Structures are given as structure tokens and as C-alpha cells.
PDB file of N, CA and C in Angstrom:
ATOM      1  N   MET A   1     -11.158 -14.872   4.556  1.00  0.00           N
ATOM      2  CA  MET A   1     -10.116 -14.330   3.704  1.00  0.00           C
ATOM      3  C   MET A   1     -10.743 -13.864   2.391  1.00  0.00           C
ATOM      4  N   LYS A   2     -10.285 -12.737   1.919  1.00  0.00           N
ATOM      5  CA  LYS A   2     -10.822 -12.185   0.685  1.00  0.00           C
ATOM      6  C   LYS A   2     -10.336 -12.990  -0.513  1.00  0.00           C
ATOM      7  N   LYS A   3     -11.086 -12.867  -1.591  1.00  0.00           N
ATOM      8  CA  LYS A   3     -10.701 -13.523  -2.824  1.00  0.00           C
ATOM      9  C   LYS A   3      -9.630 -12.709  -3.532  1.00  0.00           C
ATOM     10  N   LEU A   4      -8.898 -13.363  -4.402  1.00  0.00           N
ATOM     11  CA  LEU A   4      -7.817 -12.730  -5.141  1.00  0.00           C
ATOM     12  C   LEU A   4      -8.291 -11.486  -5.888  1.00  0.00           C
ATOM     13  N   ASN A   5      -9.397 -11.573  -6.599  1.00  0.00           N
ATOM     14  CA  ASN A   5      -9.897 -10.428  -7.364  1.00  0.00           C
ATOM     15  C   ASN A   5     -10.230  -9.238  -6.470  1.00  0.00           C
ATOM     16  N   GLU A   6     -10.819  -9.503  -5.302  1.00  0.00           N
ATOM     17  CA  GLU A   6     -11.153  -8.424  -4.368  1.00  0.00           C
ATOM     18  C   GLU A   6      -9.893  -7.740  -3.856  1.00  0.00           C
ATOM     19  N   LEU A   7      -8.894  -8.528  -3.513  1.00  0.00           N
ATOM     20  CA  LEU A   7      -7.643  -7.963  -3.024  1.00  0.00           C
ATOM     21  C   LEU A   7      -6.953  -7.137  -4.100  1.00  0.00           C
ATOM     22  N   MET A   8      -6.877  -7.664  -5.295  1.00  0.00           N
ATOM     23  CA  MET A   8      -6.225  -6.945  -6.389  1.00  0.00           C
ATOM     24  C   MET A   8      -6.959  -5.638  -6.661  1.00  0.00           C
ATOM     25  N   GLN A   9      -8.280  -5.661  -6.641  1.00  0.00           N
ATOM     26  CA  GLN A   9      -9.062  -4.446  -6.879  1.00  0.00           C
ATOM     27  C   GLN A   9      -8.788  -3.407  -5.798  1.00  0.00           C
ATOM     28  N   GLU A  10      -8.731  -3.843  -4.540  1.00  0.00           N
ATOM     29  CA  GLU A  10      -8.442  -2.921  -3.444  1.00  0.00           C
ATOM     30  C   GLU A  10      -7.051  -2.318  -3.568  1.00  0.00           C
ATOM     31  N   ILE A  11      -6.088  -3.147  -3.938  1.00  0.00           N
ATOM     32  CA  ILE A  11      -4.712  -2.677  -4.107  1.00  0.00           C
ATOM     33  C   ILE A  11      -4.648  -1.657  -5.244  1.00  0.00           C
ATOM     34  N   ILE A  12      -5.315  -1.941  -6.335  1.00  0.00           N
ATOM     35  CA  ILE A  12      -5.327  -1.024  -7.480  1.00  0.00           C
ATOM     36  C   ILE A  12      -5.978   0.298  -7.098  1.00  0.00           C
ATOM     37  N   LEU A  13      -7.113   0.246  -6.423  1.00  0.00           N
ATOM     38  CA  LEU A  13      -7.795   1.476  -6.009  1.00  0.00           C
ATOM     39  C   LEU A  13      -6.938   2.299  -5.057  1.00  0.00           C
ATOM     40  N   LEU A  14      -6.300   1.628  -4.105  1.00  0.00           N
ATOM     41  CA  LEU A  14      -5.484   2.341  -3.128  1.00  0.00           C
ATOM     42  C   LEU A  14      -4.245   2.943  -3.782  1.00  0.00           C
ATOM     43  N   THR A  15      -3.573   2.195  -4.639  1.00  0.00           N
ATOM     44  CA  THR A  15      -2.384   2.749  -5.294  1.00  0.00           C
ATOM     45  C   THR A  15      -2.759   3.890  -6.235  1.00  0.00           C
ATOM     46  N   THR A  16      -3.918   3.823  -6.859  1.00  0.00           N
ATOM     47  CA  THR A  16      -4.388   4.910  -7.710  1.00  0.00           C
ATOM     48  C   THR A  16      -4.670   6.156  -6.866  1.00  0.00           C
ATOM     49  N   LYS A  17      -5.286   5.972  -5.705  1.00  0.00           N
ATOM     50  CA  LYS A  17      -5.547   7.091  -4.792  1.00  0.00           C
ATOM     51  C   LYS A  17      -4.232   7.718  -4.346  1.00  0.00           C
ATOM     52  N   ILE A  18      -3.266   6.887  -3.997  1.00  0.00           N
ATOM     53  CA  ILE A  18      -1.967   7.397  -3.565  1.00  0.00           C
ATOM     54  C   ILE A  18      -1.292   8.152  -4.716  1.00  0.00           C
ATOM     55  N   GLU A  19      -1.335   7.582  -5.903  1.00  0.00           N
ATOM     56  CA  GLU A  19      -0.714   8.233  -7.059  1.00  0.00           C
ATOM     57  C   GLU A  19      -1.357   9.589  -7.344  1.00  0.00           C
ATOM     58  N   THR A  20      -2.672   9.660  -7.240  1.00  0.00           N
ATOM     59  CA  THR A  20      -3.406  10.883  -7.559  1.00  0.00           C
ATOM     60  C   THR A  20      -3.313  11.930  -6.449  1.00  0.00           C
ATOM     61  N   ASP A  21      -3.557  11.504  -5.213  1.00  0.00           N
ATOM     62  CA  ASP A  21      -3.667  12.451  -4.103  1.00  0.00           C
ATOM     63  C   ASP A  21      -2.360  12.679  -3.348  1.00  0.00           C
ATOM     64  N   TYR A  22      -1.451  11.714  -3.399  1.00  0.00           N
ATOM     65  CA  TYR A  22      -0.205  11.799  -2.636  1.00  0.00           C
ATOM     66  C   TYR A  22       0.978  11.379  -3.509  1.00  0.00           C
ATOM     67  N   PRO A  23       1.241  12.108  -4.589  1.00  0.00           N
ATOM     68  CA  PRO A  23       2.318  11.710  -5.501  1.00  0.00           C
ATOM     69  C   PRO A  23       3.687  11.654  -4.815  1.00  0.00           C
ATOM     70  N   GLU A  24       3.865  12.460  -3.763  1.00  0.00           N
ATOM     71  CA  GLU A  24       5.136  12.434  -3.039  1.00  0.00           C
ATOM     72  C   GLU A  24       5.339  11.093  -2.327  1.00  0.00           C
ATOM     73  N   LEU A  25       4.269  10.416  -1.966  1.00  0.00           N
ATOM     74  CA  LEU A  25       4.347   9.088  -1.353  1.00  0.00           C
ATOM     75  C   LEU A  25       4.433   8.004  -2.426  1.00  0.00           C
ATOM     76  N   TYR A  26       3.751   8.210  -3.525  1.00  0.00           N
ATOM     77  CA  TYR A  26       3.681   7.204  -4.588  1.00  0.00           C
ATOM     78  C   TYR A  26       5.061   6.795  -5.083  1.00  0.00           C
ATOM     79  N   ARG A  27       5.976   7.752  -5.165  1.00  0.00           N
ATOM     80  CA  ARG A  27       7.306   7.427  -5.700  1.00  0.00           C
ATOM     81  C   ARG A  27       8.061   6.448  -4.814  1.00  0.00           C
ATOM     82  N   TYR A  28       7.651   6.310  -3.556  1.00  0.00           N
ATOM     83  CA  TYR A  28       8.311   5.378  -2.648  1.00  0.00           C
ATOM     84  C   TYR A  28       7.712   3.971  -2.678  1.00  0.00           C
ATOM     85  N   LEU A  29       6.630   3.781  -3.378  1.00  0.00           N
ATOM     86  CA  LEU A  29       5.999   2.458  -3.393  1.00  0.00           C
ATOM     87  C   LEU A  29       6.895   1.399  -4.010  1.00  0.00           C
ATOM     88  N   ASP A  30       7.755   1.787  -4.936  1.00  0.00           N
ATOM     89  CA  ASP A  30       8.692   0.822  -5.510  1.00  0.00           C
ATOM     90  C   ASP A  30       9.659   0.293  -4.464  1.00  0.00           C
ATOM     91  N   GLU A  31       9.847   1.044  -3.393  1.00  0.00           N
ATOM     92  CA  GLU A  31      10.757   0.636  -2.340  1.00  0.00           C
ATOM     93  C   GLU A  31      10.093  -0.258  -1.301  1.00  0.00           C
ATOM     94  N   THR A  32       8.783  -0.435  -1.409  1.00  0.00           N
ATOM     95  CA  THR A  32       8.066  -1.293  -0.478  1.00  0.00           C
ATOM     96  C   THR A  32       8.407  -2.745  -0.779  1.00  0.00           C
ATOM     97  N   PRO A  33       8.980  -3.440   0.191  1.00  0.00           N
ATOM     98  CA  PRO A  33       9.319  -4.840  -0.073  1.00  0.00           C
ATOM     99  C   PRO A  33       8.058  -5.677  -0.258  1.00  0.00           C
ATOM    100  N   LEU A  34       8.059  -6.461  -1.294  1.00  0.00           N
ATOM    101  CA  LEU A  34       6.924  -7.334  -1.559  1.00  0.00           C
ATOM    102  C   LEU A  34       7.436  -8.640  -2.127  1.00  0.00           C
ATOM    103  N   VAL A  35       7.188  -9.689  -1.395  1.00  0.00           N
ATOM    104  CA  VAL A  35       7.487 -11.023  -1.883  1.00  0.00           C
ATOM    105  C   VAL A  35       6.150 -11.718  -1.990  1.00  0.00           C
ATOM    106  N   ILE A  36       5.763 -12.030  -3.193  1.00  0.00           N
ATOM    107  CA  ILE A  36       4.479 -12.695  -3.384  1.00  0.00           C
ATOM    108  C   ILE A  36       4.715 -14.194  -3.343  1.00  0.00           C
ATOM    109  N   CYS A  37       4.241 -14.772  -2.292  1.00  0.00           N
ATOM    110  CA  CYS A  37       4.254 -16.218  -2.079  1.00  0.00           C
ATOM    111  C   CYS A  37       5.644 -16.810  -2.280  1.00  0.00           C
ATOM    112  N   ASP A  38       6.410 -16.762  -1.262  1.00  0.00           N
ATOM    113  CA  ASP A  38       7.777 -17.274  -1.305  1.00  0.00           C
ATOM    114  C   ASP A  38       7.770 -18.789  -1.077  1.00  0.00           C
ATOM    115  N   ASN A  39       7.206 -19.485  -2.044  1.00  0.00           N
ATOM    116  CA  ASN A  39       7.215 -20.941  -1.969  1.00  0.00           C
ATOM    117  C   ASN A  39       7.687 -21.511  -3.303  1.00  0.00           C
ATOM    118  N   GLU A  40       7.768 -22.793  -3.385  1.00  0.00           N
ATOM    119  CA  GLU A  40       8.316 -23.430  -4.587  1.00  0.00           C
ATOM    120  C   GLU A  40       7.445 -23.224  -5.818  1.00  0.00           C
ATOM    121  N   GLU A  41       6.140 -23.120  -5.639  1.00  0.00           N
ATOM    122  CA  GLU A  41       5.248 -22.986  -6.784  1.00  0.00           C
ATOM    123  C   GLU A  41       5.206 -21.567  -7.337  1.00  0.00           C
ATOM    124  N   LYS A  42       5.606 -20.583  -6.519  1.00  0.00           N
ATOM    125  CA  LYS A  42       5.593 -19.170  -6.918  1.00  0.00           C
ATOM    126  C   LYS A  42       4.200 -18.684  -7.299  1.00  0.00           C
ATOM    127  N   ALA A  43       3.198 -19.292  -6.740  1.00  0.00           N
ATOM    128  CA  ALA A  43       1.819 -18.852  -6.962  1.00  0.00           C
ATOM    129  C   ALA A  43       1.550 -17.645  -6.074  1.00  0.00           C
ATOM    130  N   ILE A  44       0.601 -16.853  -6.468  1.00  0.00           N
ATOM    131  CA  ILE A  44       0.242 -15.688  -5.663  1.00  0.00           C
ATOM    132  C   ILE A  44      -0.547 -16.165  -4.450  1.00  0.00           C
ATOM    133  N   CYS A  45      -0.081 -15.808  -3.282  1.00  0.00           N
ATOM    134  CA  CYS A  45      -0.753 -16.186  -2.042  1.00  0.00           C
ATOM    135  C   CYS A  45      -1.648 -15.046  -1.580  1.00  0.00           C
ATOM    136  N   LEU A  46      -2.861 -15.363  -1.257  1.00  0.00           N
ATOM    137  CA  LEU A  46      -3.797 -14.362  -0.767  1.00  0.00           C
ATOM    138  C   LEU A  46      -3.270 -13.685   0.496  1.00  0.00           C
ATOM    139  N   ARG A  47      -2.673 -14.458   1.367  1.00  0.00           N
ATOM    140  CA  ARG A  47      -2.146 -13.912   2.616  1.00  0.00           C
ATOM    141  C   ARG A  47      -1.084 -12.845   2.336  1.00  0.00           C
ATOM    142  N   ASP A  48      -0.231 -13.078   1.346  1.00  0.00           N
ATOM    143  CA  ASP A  48       0.801 -12.103   1.004  1.00  0.00           C
ATOM    144  C   ASP A  48       0.190 -10.828   0.433  1.00  0.00           C
ATOM    145  N   LEU A  49      -0.841 -10.964  -0.383  1.00  0.00           N
ATOM    146  CA  LEU A  49      -1.512  -9.789  -0.924  1.00  0.00           C
ATOM    147  C   LEU A  49      -2.220  -9.011   0.180  1.00  0.00           C
ATOM    148  N   GLU A  50      -2.801  -9.723   1.136  1.00  0.00           N
ATOM    149  CA  GLU A  50      -3.434  -9.050   2.272  1.00  0.00           C
ATOM    150  C   GLU A  50      -2.403  -8.264   3.072  1.00  0.00           C
ATOM    151  N   LYS A  51      -1.231  -8.852   3.288  1.00  0.00           N
ATOM    152  CA  LYS A  51      -0.167  -8.150   4.010  1.00  0.00           C
ATOM    153  C   LYS A  51       0.277  -6.916   3.229  1.00  0.00           C
ATOM    154  N   TYR A  52       0.399  -7.046   1.915  1.00  0.00           N
ATOM    155  CA  TYR A  52       0.811  -5.915   1.080  1.00  0.00           C
ATOM    156  C   TYR A  52      -0.221  -4.797   1.153  1.00  0.00           C
ATOM    157  N   LEU A  53      -1.499  -5.155   1.084  1.00  0.00           N
ATOM    158  CA  LEU A  53      -2.564  -4.163   1.175  1.00  0.00           C
ATOM    159  C   LEU A  53      -2.508  -3.443   2.518  1.00  0.00           C
ATOM    160  N   GLU A  54      -2.302  -4.179   3.584  1.00  0.00           N
ATOM    161  CA  GLU A  54      -2.204  -3.564   4.912  1.00  0.00           C
ATOM    162  C   GLU A  54      -0.981  -2.659   5.000  1.00  0.00           C
ATOM    163  N   THR A  55       0.109  -3.049   4.356  1.00  0.00           N
ATOM    164  CA  THR A  55       1.307  -2.213   4.325  1.00  0.00           C
ATOM    165  C   THR A  55       1.015  -0.897   3.615  1.00  0.00           C
ATOM    166  N   LEU A  56       0.337  -0.969   2.469  1.00  0.00           N
ATOM    167  CA  LEU A  56      -0.027   0.244   1.737  1.00  0.00           C
ATOM    168  C   LEU A  56      -0.909   1.155   2.584  1.00  0.00           C
ATOM    169  N   LYS A  57      -1.901   0.568   3.242  1.00  0.00           N
ATOM    170  CA  LYS A  57      -2.793   1.355   4.100  1.00  0.00           C
ATOM    171  C   LYS A  57      -2.012   2.020   5.228  1.00  0.00           C
ATOM    172  N   GLY A  58      -1.101   1.268   5.822  1.00  0.00           N
ATOM    173  CA  GLY A  58      -0.292   1.811   6.907  1.00  0.00           C
ATOM    174  C   GLY A  58       0.609   2.943   6.448  1.00  0.00           C
ATOM    175  N   GLN A  59       1.211   2.790   5.272  1.00  0.00           N
ATOM    176  CA  GLN A  59       2.065   3.844   4.738  1.00  0.00           C
ATOM    177  C   GLN A  59       1.262   5.104   4.461  1.00  0.00           C
ATOM    178  N   LEU A  60       0.085   4.945   3.890  1.00  0.00           N
ATOM    179  CA  LEU A  60      -0.761   6.101   3.598  1.00  0.00           C
ATOM    180  C   LEU A  60      -1.191   6.780   4.898  1.00  0.00           C
ATOM    181  N   GLU A  61      -1.620   6.009   5.874  1.00  0.00           N
ATOM    182  CA  GLU A  61      -2.051   6.568   7.156  1.00  0.00           C
ATOM    183  C   GLU A  61      -0.901   7.326   7.823  1.00  0.00           C
ATOM    184  N   HIS A  62       0.273   6.732   7.828  1.00  0.00           N
ATOM    185  CA  HIS A  62       1.438   7.382   8.429  1.00  0.00           C
ATOM    186  C   HIS A  62       1.781   8.664   7.684  1.00  0.00           C
ATOM    187  N   HIS A  63       1.709   8.630   6.378  1.00  0.00           N
ATOM    188  CA  HIS A  63       2.015   9.814   5.569  1.00  0.00           C
ATOM    189  C   HIS A  63       1.022  10.937   5.868  1.00  0.00           C
ATOM    190  N   ILE A  64      -0.246  10.606   5.944  1.00  0.00           N
ATOM    191  CA  ILE A  64      -1.269  11.615   6.221  1.00  0.00           C
ATOM    192  C   ILE A  64      -1.044  12.222   7.609  1.00  0.00           C
ATOM    193  N   GLU A  65      -0.773  11.375   8.606  1.00  0.00           N
ATOM    194  CA  GLU A  65      -0.530  11.867   9.967  1.00  0.00           C
ATOM    195  C   GLU A  65       0.702  12.757  10.009  1.00  0.00           C
ATOM    196  N   THR A  66       1.758  12.338   9.362  1.00  0.00           N
ATOM    197  CA  THR A  66       3.009  13.089   9.348  1.00  0.00           C
ATOM    198  C   THR A  66       2.843  14.392   8.589  1.00  0.00           C
ATOM    199  N   HIS A  67       2.183  14.324   7.444  1.00  0.00           N
ATOM    200  CA  HIS A  67       1.979  15.520   6.616  1.00  0.00           C
ATOM    201  C   HIS A  67       1.101  16.530   7.350  1.00  0.00           C
ATOM    202  N   THR A  68       0.046  16.056   7.982  1.00  0.00           N
ATOM    203  CA  THR A  68      -0.854  16.934   8.720  1.00  0.00           C
ATOM    204  C   THR A  68      -0.118  17.577   9.891  1.00  0.00           C
ATOM    205  N   ASN A  69       0.684  16.806  10.603  1.00  0.00           N
ATOM    206  CA  ASN A  69       1.440  17.344  11.740  1.00  0.00           C
ATOM    207  C   ASN A  69       2.437  18.397  11.280  1.00  0.00           C
ATOM    208  N   GLN A  70       3.091  18.189  10.157  1.00  0.00           N
ATOM    209  CA  GLN A  70       4.049  19.161   9.644  1.00  0.00           C
ATOM    210  C   GLN A  70       3.341  20.437   9.211  1.00  0.00           C
ATOM    211  N   SER A  71       2.178  20.300   8.600  1.00  0.00           N
ATOM    212  CA  SER A  71       1.429  21.470   8.163  1.00  0.00           C
ATOM    213  C   SER A  71       0.961  22.293   9.355  1.00  0.00           C
ATOM    214  N   ASN A  72       0.511  21.608  10.404  1.00  0.00           N
ATOM    215  CA  ASN A  72       0.039  22.308  11.594  1.00  0.00           C
ATOM    216  C   ASN A  72       1.193  22.987  12.339  1.00  0.00           C
ATOM    217  N   ALA A  73       2.375  22.373  12.328  1.00  0.00           N
ATOM    218  CA  ALA A  73       3.514  22.929  13.032  1.00  0.00           C
ATOM    219  C   ALA A  73       4.013  24.219  12.384  1.00  0.00           C
ATOM    220  N   SER A  74       3.882  24.304  11.075  1.00  0.00           N
ATOM    221  CA  SER A  74       4.367  25.497  10.390  1.00  0.00           C
ATOM    222  C   SER A  74       3.345  26.625  10.375  1.00  0.00           C
ATOM    223  N   SER A  75       2.121  26.360  10.844  1.00  0.00           N
ATOM    224  CA  SER A  75       1.078  27.408  10.873  1.00  0.00           C
ATOM    225  C   SER A  75       1.237  28.310  12.066  1.00  0.00           C
TER     226      SER A  75
END
């Protein structure tokens, strides 16, 4: 399992890439459900951050596939 700092850095880099290269997708990130460690202590759980990072990657991949398919269809 990755360390907290590594996960946070990856999340920051990915969200920055999305904001810069895919602003149309970036506006939907606020709608991404994220519950960070739903336990009594409310501490940040590495597992939850890993899931969030994978969600971001999946959204970006889906957006790229969908955007590319739409561009090719209109050509």
C-alpha cells in the first residue's frame, strides 16, 4: 500500500492534469462521491484515497475514450 504523501501527490498531479487538459471533465470532479475514512476517528484512510485515485483515473480514461470516439464519429 502506498504512503499517504505518495497518494496525495498522485491525486494532486492527476487533478491538475485534468484541470489543465480536460477542463470540461474537471468541473464534474466536485460531483465525485468521496468519503474519506467513514469511521469514528475520521482519520484519512489510505484505502479510501487509493479508491479515490482509481476513480479519478477511471473517469479520465472514460472521458478520453468517449471524447476520442465522438471526435472520430464526426470526421
